[in-house]
Amino acid sequence: MIGNTLSIGIQGIQDGMVGMENAARKIARGGVDGPQGTAEGAGNLIEPIVDLKIYERSVEASAQVVKTADETLGTLLDMMA
């Protein structure tokens, strides 16, 4: 059970990191893909910036899941020792 929870947390971190990389790539290309100096070009950056923040929070939440699973496992091992 704890191992499964740990795996889910780690997978969440990995998925979030991939999402952050993709959003960062879109932000970096923002000035290149859209017409420069136009509202349309700037509008292309809004979604990836929001996505970047969402993925950041996702990674933080998944890291907390991993931390809690680790602490729970440590407590169980201490109780058995």
PDB file of N, CA and C in Angstrom:
ATOM      1  N   MET A   1       0.821  -1.194   0.000  1.00  0.00           N
ATOM      2  CA  MET A   1       0.000   0.000   0.000  1.00  0.00           C
ATOM      3  C   MET A   1       0.865   1.258   0.000  1.00  0.00           C
ATOM      4  N   ILE A   2       1.845   1.327   0.905  1.00  0.00           N
ATOM      5  CA  ILE A   2       2.707   2.498   0.956  1.00  0.00           C
ATOM      6  C   ILE A   2       3.584   2.564  -0.291  1.00  0.00           C
ATOM      7  N   GLY A   3       4.046   1.399  -0.748  1.00  0.00           N
ATOM      8  CA  GLY A   3       4.852   1.357  -1.966  1.00  0.00           C
ATOM      9  C   GLY A   3       4.076   1.872  -3.166  1.00  0.00           C
ATOM     10  N   ASN A   4       2.791   1.532  -3.235  1.00  0.00           N
ATOM     11  CA  ASN A   4       1.940   2.005  -4.317  1.00  0.00           C
ATOM     12  C   ASN A   4       1.762   3.515  -4.233  1.00  0.00           C
ATOM     13  N   THR A   5       1.554   4.021  -3.022  1.00  0.00           N
ATOM     14  CA  THR A   5       1.400   5.460  -2.826  1.00  0.00           C
ATOM     15  C   THR A   5       2.679   6.190  -3.219  1.00  0.00           C
ATOM     16  N   LEU A   6       3.804   5.620  -2.836  1.00  0.00           N
ATOM     17  CA  LEU A   6       5.096   6.200  -3.196  1.00  0.00           C
ATOM     18  C   LEU A   6       5.263   6.239  -4.717  1.00  0.00           C
ATOM     19  N   SER A   7       4.883   5.170  -5.386  1.00  0.00           N
ATOM     20  CA  SER A   7       4.980   5.112  -6.848  1.00  0.00           C
ATOM     21  C   SER A   7       4.092   6.163  -7.513  1.00  0.00           C
ATOM     22  N   ILE A   8       2.901   6.337  -6.973  1.00  0.00           N
ATOM     23  CA  ILE A   8       1.980   7.340  -7.521  1.00  0.00           C
ATOM     24  C   ILE A   8       2.569   8.743  -7.355  1.00  0.00           C
ATOM     25  N   GLY A   9       3.152   9.007  -6.191  1.00  0.00           N
ATOM     26  CA  GLY A   9       3.775  10.310  -5.960  1.00  0.00           C
ATOM     27  C   GLY A   9       4.933  10.565  -6.898  1.00  0.00           C
ATOM     28  N   ILE A  10       5.763   9.576  -7.093  1.00  0.00           N
ATOM     29  CA  ILE A  10       6.915   9.722  -7.995  1.00  0.00           C
ATOM     30  C   ILE A  10       6.445   9.924  -9.431  1.00  0.00           C
ATOM     31  N   GLN A  11       5.424   9.169  -9.838  1.00  0.00           N
ATOM     32  CA  GLN A  11       4.887   9.341 -11.190  1.00  0.00           C
ATOM     33  C   GLN A  11       4.312  10.739 -11.365  1.00  0.00           C
ATOM     34  N   GLY A  12       3.661  11.262 -10.331  1.00  0.00           N
ATOM     35  CA  GLY A  12       3.131  12.626 -10.389  1.00  0.00           C
ATOM     36  C   GLY A  12       4.231  13.652 -10.562  1.00  0.00           C
ATOM     37  N   ILE A  13       5.347  13.453  -9.867  1.00  0.00           N
ATOM     38  CA  ILE A  13       6.487  14.365 -10.011  1.00  0.00           C
ATOM     39  C   ILE A  13       7.027  14.308 -11.438  1.00  0.00           C
ATOM     40  N   GLN A  14       7.192  13.096 -11.958  1.00  0.00           N
ATOM     41  CA  GLN A  14       7.711  12.950 -13.321  1.00  0.00           C
ATOM     42  C   GLN A  14       6.776  13.593 -14.346  1.00  0.00           C
ATOM     43  N   ASP A  15       5.476  13.356 -14.207  1.00  0.00           N
ATOM     44  CA  ASP A  15       4.506  13.943 -15.142  1.00  0.00           C
ATOM     45  C   ASP A  15       4.516  15.466 -15.052  1.00  0.00           C
ATOM     46  N   GLY A  16       4.603  15.977 -13.836  1.00  0.00           N
ATOM     47  CA  GLY A  16       4.647  17.428 -13.655  1.00  0.00           C
ATOM     48  C   GLY A  16       5.886  18.046 -14.267  1.00  0.00           C
ATOM     49  N   MET A  17       7.013  17.376 -14.126  1.00  0.00           N
ATOM     50  CA  MET A  17       8.257  17.891 -14.701  1.00  0.00           C
ATOM     51  C   MET A  17       8.185  17.916 -16.225  1.00  0.00           C
ATOM     52  N   VAL A  18       7.603  16.885 -16.805  1.00  0.00           N
ATOM     53  CA  VAL A  18       7.438  16.862 -18.267  1.00  0.00           C
ATOM     54  C   VAL A  18       6.522  18.011 -18.699  1.00  0.00           C
ATOM     55  N   GLY A  19       5.437  18.205 -17.964  1.00  0.00           N
ATOM     56  CA  GLY A  19       4.521  19.308 -18.274  1.00  0.00           C
ATOM     57  C   GLY A  19       5.202  20.661 -18.151  1.00  0.00           C
ATOM     58  N   MET A  20       6.029  20.828 -17.116  1.00  0.00           N
ATOM     59  CA  MET A  20       6.755  22.086 -16.932  1.00  0.00           C
ATOM     60  C   MET A  20       7.729  22.316 -18.089  1.00  0.00           C
ATOM     61  N   GLU A  21       8.415  21.273 -18.521  1.00  0.00           N
ATOM     62  CA  GLU A  21       9.341  21.405 -19.644  1.00  0.00           C
ATOM     63  C   GLU A  21       8.608  21.832 -20.917  1.00  0.00           C
ATOM     64  N   ASN A  22       7.447  21.222 -21.165  1.00  0.00           N
ATOM     65  CA  ASN A  22       6.672  21.575 -22.355  1.00  0.00           C
ATOM     66  C   ASN A  22       6.172  23.017 -22.283  1.00  0.00           C
ATOM     67  N   ALA A  23       5.685  23.426 -21.111  1.00  0.00           N
ATOM     68  CA  ALA A  23       5.212  24.801 -20.951  1.00  0.00           C
ATOM     69  C   ALA A  23       6.359  25.789 -21.113  1.00  0.00           C
ATOM     70  N   ALA A  24       7.511  25.480 -20.543  1.00  0.00           N
ATOM     71  CA  ALA A  24       8.674  26.360 -20.668  1.00  0.00           C
ATOM     72  C   ALA A  24       9.116  26.477 -22.127  1.00  0.00           C
ATOM     73  N   ARG A  25       9.033  25.371 -22.838  1.00  0.00           N
ATOM     74  CA  ARG A  25       9.390  25.388 -24.260  1.00  0.00           C
ATOM     75  C   ARG A  25       8.438  26.299 -25.043  1.00  0.00           C
ATOM     76  N   LYS A  26       7.141  26.231 -24.719  1.00  0.00           N
ATOM     77  CA  LYS A  26       6.159  27.089 -25.395  1.00  0.00           C
ATOM     78  C   LYS A  26       6.404  28.563 -25.067  1.00  0.00           C
ATOM     79  N   ILE A  27       6.782  28.826 -23.811  1.00  0.00           N
ATOM     80  CA  ILE A  27       7.087  30.210 -23.421  1.00  0.00           C
ATOM     81  C   ILE A  27       8.307  30.711 -24.178  1.00  0.00           C
ATOM     82  N   ALA A  28       9.332  29.882 -24.267  1.00  0.00           N
ATOM     83  CA  ALA A  28      10.556  30.281 -24.960  1.00  0.00           C
ATOM     84  C   ALA A  28      10.301  30.542 -26.443  1.00  0.00           C
ATOM     85  N   ARG A  29       9.375  29.808 -27.028  1.00  0.00           N
ATOM     86  CA  ARG A  29       9.044  29.990 -28.445  1.00  0.00           C
ATOM     87  C   ARG A  29       8.013  31.088 -28.656  1.00  0.00           C
ATOM     88  N   GLY A  30       7.448  31.632 -27.573  1.00  0.00           N
ATOM     89  CA  GLY A  30       6.345  32.583 -27.675  1.00  0.00           C
ATOM     90  C   GLY A  30       6.607  33.745 -28.593  1.00  0.00           C
ATOM     91  N   GLY A  31       7.781  34.335 -28.521  1.00  0.00           N
ATOM     92  CA  GLY A  31       8.094  35.458 -29.381  1.00  0.00           C
ATOM     93  C   GLY A  31       8.380  35.054 -30.799  1.00  0.00           C
ATOM     94  N   VAL A  32       8.626  33.774 -31.022  1.00  0.00           N
ATOM     95  CA  VAL A  32       8.981  33.299 -32.365  1.00  0.00           C
ATOM     96  C   VAL A  32       7.743  32.826 -33.115  1.00  0.00           C
ATOM     97  N   ASP A  33       6.836  32.127 -32.407  1.00  0.00           N
ATOM     98  CA  ASP A  33       5.671  31.531 -33.070  1.00  0.00           C
ATOM     99  C   ASP A  33       4.632  32.575 -33.483  1.00  0.00           C
ATOM    100  N   GLY A  34       4.385  33.550 -32.608  1.00  0.00           N
ATOM    101  CA  GLY A  34       3.351  34.542 -32.907  1.00  0.00           C
ATOM    102  C   GLY A  34       3.958  35.787 -33.514  1.00  0.00           C
ATOM    103  N   PRO A  35       3.117  36.631 -34.075  1.00  0.00           N
ATOM    104  CA  PRO A  35       3.621  37.899 -34.614  1.00  0.00           C
ATOM    105  C   PRO A  35       4.218  38.737 -33.484  1.00  0.00           C
ATOM    106  N   GLN A  36       5.423  39.198 -33.666  1.00  0.00           N
ATOM    107  CA  GLN A  36       6.105  39.945 -32.617  1.00  0.00           C
ATOM    108  C   GLN A  36       5.487  41.328 -32.465  1.00  0.00           C
ATOM    109  N   GLY A  37       5.374  41.742 -31.189  1.00  0.00           N
ATOM    110  CA  GLY A  37       4.861  43.079 -30.911  1.00  0.00           C
ATOM    111  C   GLY A  37       3.365  43.211 -31.068  1.00  0.00           C
ATOM    112  N   THR A  38       2.640  42.094 -31.163  1.00  0.00           N
ATOM    113  CA  THR A  38       1.188  42.162 -31.286  1.00  0.00           C
ATOM    114  C   THR A  38       0.537  41.545 -30.064  1.00  0.00           C
ATOM    115  N   ALA A  39      -0.713  41.895 -29.859  1.00  0.00           N
ATOM    116  CA  ALA A  39      -1.466  41.319 -28.741  1.00  0.00           C
ATOM    117  C   ALA A  39      -1.630  39.816 -28.939  1.00  0.00           C
ATOM    118  N   GLU A  40      -1.735  39.386 -30.178  1.00  0.00           N
ATOM    119  CA  GLU A  40      -1.873  37.953 -30.452  1.00  0.00           C
ATOM    120  C   GLU A  40      -0.631  37.204 -30.012  1.00  0.00           C
ATOM    121  N   GLY A  41       0.534  37.758 -30.272  1.00  0.00           N
ATOM    122  CA  GLY A  41       1.783  37.131 -29.855  1.00  0.00           C
ATOM    123  C   GLY A  41       1.873  37.025 -28.347  1.00  0.00           C
ATOM    124  N   ALA A  42       1.470  38.083 -27.634  1.00  0.00           N
ATOM    125  CA  ALA A  42       1.496  38.064 -26.166  1.00  0.00           C
ATOM    126  C   ALA A  42       0.449  37.098 -25.630  1.00  0.00           C
ATOM    127  N   GLY A  43      -0.691  37.007 -26.300  1.00  0.00           N
ATOM    128  CA  GLY A  43      -1.755  36.108 -25.864  1.00  0.00           C
ATOM    129  C   GLY A  43      -1.338  34.656 -25.921  1.00  0.00           C
ATOM    130  N   ASN A  44      -0.398  34.348 -26.801  1.00  0.00           N
ATOM    131  CA  ASN A  44       0.089  32.981 -26.917  1.00  0.00           C
ATOM    132  C   ASN A  44       0.873  32.556 -25.688  1.00  0.00           C
ATOM    133  N   LEU A  45       1.323  33.511 -24.897  1.00  0.00           N
ATOM    134  CA  LEU A  45       2.126  33.191 -23.716  1.00  0.00           C
ATOM    135  C   LEU A  45       1.286  32.939 -22.469  1.00  0.00           C
ATOM    136  N   ILE A  46       0.060  33.411 -22.457  1.00  0.00           N
ATOM    137  CA  ILE A  46      -0.760  33.316 -21.247  1.00  0.00           C
ATOM    138  C   ILE A  46      -1.003  31.862 -20.852  1.00  0.00           C
ATOM    139  N   GLU A  47      -1.437  31.056 -21.793  1.00  0.00           N
ATOM    140  CA  GLU A  47      -1.754  29.658 -21.482  1.00  0.00           C
ATOM    141  C   GLU A  47      -0.541  28.875 -20.973  1.00  0.00           C
ATOM    142  N   PRO A  48       0.618  28.941 -21.631  1.00  0.00           N
ATOM    143  CA  PRO A  48       1.756  28.183 -21.106  1.00  0.00           C
ATOM    144  C   PRO A  48       2.249  28.694 -19.750  1.00  0.00           C
ATOM    145  N   ILE A  49       2.097  29.993 -19.480  1.00  0.00           N
ATOM    146  CA  ILE A  49       2.493  30.516 -18.166  1.00  0.00           C
ATOM    147  C   ILE A  49       1.579  29.947 -17.085  1.00  0.00           C
ATOM    148  N   VAL A  50       0.285  29.916 -17.363  1.00  0.00           N
ATOM    149  CA  VAL A  50      -0.667  29.333 -16.406  1.00  0.00           C
ATOM    150  C   VAL A  50      -0.385  27.843 -16.244  1.00  0.00           C
ATOM    151  N   ASP A  51      -0.138  27.155 -17.357  1.00  0.00           N
ATOM    152  CA  ASP A  51       0.188  25.720 -17.299  1.00  0.00           C
ATOM    153  C   ASP A  51       1.433  25.471 -16.458  1.00  0.00           C
ATOM    154  N   LEU A  52       2.434  26.321 -16.620  1.00  0.00           N
ATOM    155  CA  LEU A  52       3.670  26.184 -15.852  1.00  0.00           C
ATOM    156  C   LEU A  52       3.380  26.252 -14.362  1.00  0.00           C
ATOM    157  N   LYS A  53       2.533  27.183 -13.952  1.00  0.00           N
ATOM    158  CA  LYS A  53       2.180  27.321 -12.534  1.00  0.00           C
ATOM    159  C   LYS A  53       1.378  26.112 -12.053  1.00  0.00           C
ATOM    160  N   ILE A  54       0.486  25.618 -12.877  1.00  0.00           N
ATOM    161  CA  ILE A  54      -0.310  24.438 -12.502  1.00  0.00           C
ATOM    162  C   ILE A  54       0.599  23.224 -12.316  1.00  0.00           C
ATOM    163  N   TYR A  55       1.521  23.023 -13.249  1.00  0.00           N
ATOM    164  CA  TYR A  55       2.446  21.892 -13.129  1.00  0.00           C
ATOM    165  C   TYR A  55       3.367  22.051 -11.918  1.00  0.00           C
ATOM    166  N   GLU A  56       3.741  23.282 -11.606  1.00  0.00           N
ATOM    167  CA  GLU A  56       4.560  23.520 -10.418  1.00  0.00           C
ATOM    168  C   GLU A  56       3.823  23.056  -9.163  1.00  0.00           C
ATOM    169  N   ARG A  57       2.561  23.424  -9.050  1.00  0.00           N
ATOM    170  CA  ARG A  57       1.758  23.009  -7.896  1.00  0.00           C
ATOM    171  C   ARG A  57       1.558  21.497  -7.876  1.00  0.00           C
ATOM    172  N   SER A  58       1.413  20.905  -9.049  1.00  0.00           N
ATOM    173  CA  SER A  58       1.258  19.455  -9.144  1.00  0.00           C
ATOM    174  C   SER A  58       2.504  18.744  -8.623  1.00  0.00           C
ATOM    175  N   VAL A  59       3.678  19.246  -8.991  1.00  0.00           N
ATOM    176  CA  VAL A  59       4.930  18.654  -8.521  1.00  0.00           C
ATOM    177  C   VAL A  59       5.050  18.819  -7.007  1.00  0.00           C
ATOM    178  N   GLU A  60       4.682  19.996  -6.495  1.00  0.00           N
ATOM    179  CA  GLU A  60       4.734  20.218  -5.049  1.00  0.00           C
ATOM    180  C   GLU A  60       3.810  19.248  -4.303  1.00  0.00           C
ATOM    181  N   ALA A  61       2.605  19.046  -4.824  1.00  0.00           N
ATOM    182  CA  ALA A  61       1.658  18.130  -4.185  1.00  0.00           C
ATOM    183  C   ALA A  61       2.164  16.694  -4.237  1.00  0.00           C
ATOM    184  N   SER A  62       2.716  16.298  -5.365  1.00  0.00           N
ATOM    185  CA  SER A  62       3.250  14.942  -5.495  1.00  0.00           C
ATOM    186  C   SER A  62       4.450  14.732  -4.589  1.00  0.00           C
ATOM    187  N   ALA A  63       5.276  15.756  -4.433  1.00  0.00           N
ATOM    188  CA  ALA A  63       6.419  15.664  -3.528  1.00  0.00           C
ATOM    189  C   ALA A  63       5.940  15.490  -2.084  1.00  0.00           C
ATOM    190  N   GLN A  64       4.845  16.141  -1.742  1.00  0.00           N
ATOM    191  CA  GLN A  64       4.285  15.979  -0.402  1.00  0.00           C
ATOM    192  C   GLN A  64       3.757  14.557  -0.202  1.00  0.00           C
ATOM    193  N   VAL A  65       3.186  13.969  -1.241  1.00  0.00           N
ATOM    194  CA  VAL A  65       2.729  12.574  -1.161  1.00  0.00           C
ATOM    195  C   VAL A  65       3.919  11.654  -0.899  1.00  0.00           C
ATOM    196  N   VAL A  66       5.013  11.873  -1.624  1.00  0.00           N
ATOM    197  CA  VAL A  66       6.222  11.056  -1.438  1.00  0.00           C
ATOM    198  C   VAL A  66       6.763  11.243  -0.026  1.00  0.00           C
ATOM    199  N   LYS A  67       6.812  12.465   0.445  1.00  0.00           N
ATOM    200  CA  LYS A  67       7.318  12.747   1.792  1.00  0.00           C
ATOM    201  C   LYS A  67       6.465  12.059   2.858  1.00  0.00           C
ATOM    202  N   THR A  68       5.156  12.143   2.719  1.00  0.00           N
ATOM    203  CA  THR A  68       4.260  11.523   3.688  1.00  0.00           C
ATOM    204  C   THR A  68       4.386  10.001   3.665  1.00  0.00           C
ATOM    205  N   ALA A  69       4.480   9.416   2.473  1.00  0.00           N
ATOM    206  CA  ALA A  69       4.648   7.959   2.370  1.00  0.00           C
ATOM    207  C   ALA A  69       5.964   7.540   3.017  1.00  0.00           C
ATOM    208  N   ASP A  70       7.013   8.317   2.800  1.00  0.00           N
ATOM    209  CA  ASP A  70       8.319   8.020   3.393  1.00  0.00           C
ATOM    210  C   ASP A  70       8.250   8.090   4.920  1.00  0.00           C
ATOM    211  N   GLU A  71       7.613   9.132   5.433  1.00  0.00           N
ATOM    212  CA  GLU A  71       7.488   9.277   6.888  1.00  0.00           C
ATOM    213  C   GLU A  71       6.654   8.141   7.487  1.00  0.00           C
ATOM    214  N   THR A  72       5.583   7.763   6.788  1.00  0.00           N
ATOM    215  CA  THR A  72       4.736   6.671   7.269  1.00  0.00           C
ATOM    216  C   THR A  72       5.506   5.358   7.292  1.00  0.00           C
ATOM    217  N   LEU A  73       6.256   5.093   6.248  1.00  0.00           N
ATOM    218  CA  LEU A  73       7.073   3.890   6.183  1.00  0.00           C
ATOM    219  C   LEU A  73       8.105   3.889   7.298  1.00  0.00           C
ATOM    220  N   GLY A  74       8.733   5.040   7.535  1.00  0.00           N
ATOM    221  CA  GLY A  74       9.707   5.140   8.624  1.00  0.00           C
ATOM    222  C   GLY A  74       9.083   4.868   9.975  1.00  0.00           C
ATOM    223  N   THR A  75       7.889   5.383  10.201  1.00  0.00           N
ATOM    224  CA  THR A  75       7.191   5.143  11.457  1.00  0.00           C
ATOM    225  C   THR A  75       6.862   3.678  11.632  1.00  0.00           C
ATOM    226  N   LEU A  76       6.387   3.042  10.557  1.00  0.00           N
ATOM    227  CA  LEU A  76       6.072   1.613  10.629  1.00  0.00           C
ATOM    228  C   LEU A  76       7.313   0.773  10.922  1.00  0.00           C
ATOM    229  N   LEU A  77       8.418   1.120  10.296  1.00  0.00           N
ATOM    230  CA  LEU A  77       9.664   0.383  10.549  1.00  0.00           C
ATOM    231  C   LEU A  77      10.135   0.580  11.985  1.00  0.00           C
ATOM    232  N   ASP A  78       9.988   1.790  12.489  1.00  0.00           N
ATOM    233  CA  ASP A  78      10.372   2.047  13.875  1.00  0.00           C
ATOM    234  C   ASP A  78       9.502   1.257  14.838  1.00  0.00           C
ATOM    235  N   MET A  79       8.230   1.125  14.548  1.00  0.00           N
ATOM    236  CA  MET A  79       7.317   0.382  15.421  1.00  0.00           C
ATOM    237  C   MET A  79       7.650  -1.112  15.419  1.00  0.00           C
ATOM    238  N   MET A  80       8.125  -1.636  14.286  1.00  0.00           N
ATOM    239  CA  MET A  80       8.422  -3.061  14.167  1.00  0.00           C
ATOM    240  C   MET A  80       9.781  -3.405  14.769  1.00  0.00           C
ATOM    241  N   ALA A  81      10.650  -2.425  14.903  1.00  0.00           N
ATOM    242  CA  ALA A  81      12.007  -2.689  15.397  1.00  0.00           C
ATOM    243  C   ALA A  81      12.052  -2.870  16.905  1.00  0.00           C
TER     244      ALA A  81
END
